[in-house]
């Protein structure tokens, strides 16, 4: 809960997507839509200001895609078009199977 009105009703809340207990870290994954990124970043900062003991890290879609590339994982089908951008930058993992590359270009 980030903000309440005078009656005590929740006006603004923020619930990160994941909690990593080994790191005592919350993770919020967002998209590249600037409007959403700005809103989530603001909420993450506000949560940190109100509760300094809570650690929140915002991961962007590009971070997620880079992790997929780094570990040679299959990208989700809805991100197949976006997945091409990191590969053009030469970030494809050497462990990515050749069959995966052919499937992407088909």
Protein backbone atom coordinates (compact mmCIF):
# COMPACT_ATOMS: atom_id res chain seq x y z
CA UNK A 1 0.00 0.00 0.00
CA UNK A 2 1.47 3.31 -1.05
CA UNK A 3 -1.32 5.78 -0.40
CA UNK A 4 -4.65 5.94 1.47
CA UNK A 5 -7.43 8.49 1.33
CA UNK A 6 -8.82 10.24 4.44
CA UNK A 7 -11.26 7.38 5.03
CA UNK A 8 -8.41 4.88 5.09
CA UNK A 9 -9.19 3.33 1.73
CA UNK A 10 -6.27 2.27 -0.46
CA UNK A 11 -5.81 4.78 -3.27
CA UNK A 12 -2.50 3.55 -4.66
CA UNK A 13 -0.78 0.19 -4.24
CA UNK A 14 2.23 -1.60 -5.65
CA UNK A 15 2.82 -5.35 -5.62
CA UNK A 16 6.06 -6.46 -7.31
CA UNK A 17 5.93 -9.60 -9.45
CA UNK A 18 8.44 -11.75 -7.57
CA UNK A 19 10.24 -12.06 -4.25
CA UNK A 20 13.66 -13.70 -4.08
CA UNK A 21 14.07 -14.70 -0.42
CA UNK A 22 17.73 -15.71 -0.82
CA UNK A 23 18.48 -12.10 -1.80
CA UNK A 24 15.72 -10.40 0.19
CA UNK A 25 14.84 -8.66 -3.08
CA UNK A 26 11.54 -7.92 -4.84
CA UNK A 27 11.51 -7.94 -8.65
CA UNK A 28 9.11 -6.01 -10.85
CA UNK A 29 9.13 -6.82 -14.57
CA UNK A 30 7.76 -4.15 -16.87
CA UNK A 31 7.45 -3.56 -20.61
CA UNK A 32 9.09 -0.99 -22.83
CA UNK A 33 5.88 1.05 -22.98
CA UNK A 34 7.26 4.33 -21.60
CA UNK A 35 4.01 5.24 -19.88
CA UNK A 36 4.04 2.00 -17.88
CA UNK A 37 7.77 2.12 -17.21
CA UNK A 38 7.55 5.64 -15.77
CA UNK A 39 4.57 4.72 -13.58
CA UNK A 40 6.20 1.58 -12.20
CA UNK A 41 9.53 3.32 -11.59
CA UNK A 42 7.70 6.03 -9.66
CA UNK A 43 5.86 3.45 -7.56
CA UNK A 44 9.08 1.51 -6.88
CA UNK A 45 10.80 4.73 -5.72
CA UNK A 46 7.83 5.65 -3.53
CA UNK A 47 7.82 2.18 -1.97
CA UNK A 48 11.54 2.54 -1.23
CA UNK A 49 11.00 5.96 0.31
CA UNK A 50 8.11 4.79 2.50
CA UNK A 51 9.72 1.47 3.41
CA UNK A 52 13.53 1.71 3.11
CA UNK A 53 13.85 -1.87 4.37
CA UNK A 54 12.11 -3.16 1.20
CA UNK A 55 14.42 -3.68 -1.78
CA UNK A 56 12.77 -3.51 -5.23
CA UNK A 57 14.51 -3.94 -8.58
CA UNK A 58 12.67 -3.04 -11.78
CA UNK A 59 13.60 -5.23 -14.75
CA UNK A 60 12.68 -4.02 -18.20
CA UNK A 61 11.66 -6.14 -21.17
CA UNK A 62 15.13 -5.74 -22.66
CA UNK A 63 16.64 -7.15 -19.45
CA UNK A 64 14.33 -10.16 -19.71
CA UNK A 65 15.22 -10.71 -23.38
CA UNK A 66 18.93 -10.44 -22.63
CA UNK A 67 18.57 -13.11 -19.94
CA UNK A 68 16.84 -15.39 -22.44
CA UNK A 69 19.69 -14.87 -24.88
CA UNK A 70 22.37 -15.30 -22.23
CA UNK A 71 21.05 -18.63 -21.02
CA UNK A 72 19.97 -19.95 -24.44
CA UNK A 73 16.31 -20.23 -23.49
CA UNK A 74 13.41 -20.30 -25.93
CA UNK A 75 11.74 -16.86 -26.03
CA UNK A 76 7.98 -16.76 -25.38
CA UNK A 77 6.04 -16.69 -28.65
CA UNK A 78 4.57 -13.25 -27.98
CA UNK A 79 8.10 -11.82 -27.81
CA UNK A 80 9.45 -13.52 -30.93
CA UNK A 81 9.41 -10.27 -32.95
CA UNK A 82 11.04 -8.28 -30.15
CA UNK A 83 13.61 -11.01 -29.67
CA UNK A 84 15.20 -10.18 -33.03
CA UNK A 85 16.55 -6.82 -31.84
CA UNK A 86 19.05 -8.22 -29.29
CA UNK A 87 20.28 -10.87 -31.74
CA UNK A 88 21.15 -8.17 -34.29
CA UNK A 89 23.39 -6.63 -31.67
CA UNK A 90 25.40 -9.86 -31.49
CA UNK A 91 24.12 -10.81 -28.04
CA UNK A 92 22.99 -14.31 -29.01
CA UNK A 93 24.43 -16.98 -26.75
CA UNK A 94 26.77 -19.45 -28.41
CA UNK A 95 24.71 -22.19 -26.77
CA UNK A 96 21.60 -21.26 -28.78
CA UNK A 97 20.72 -24.26 -30.99
CA UNK A 98 20.83 -23.78 -34.76
CA UNK A 99 17.28 -25.13 -35.08
CA UNK A 100 16.11 -22.26 -32.88
CA UNK A 101 17.72 -19.73 -35.23
CA UNK A 102 16.05 -21.26 -38.28
CA UNK A 103 12.66 -21.28 -36.53
CA UNK A 104 13.00 -17.57 -35.75
CA UNK A 105 13.60 -16.59 -39.35
CA UNK A 106 10.80 -18.78 -40.76
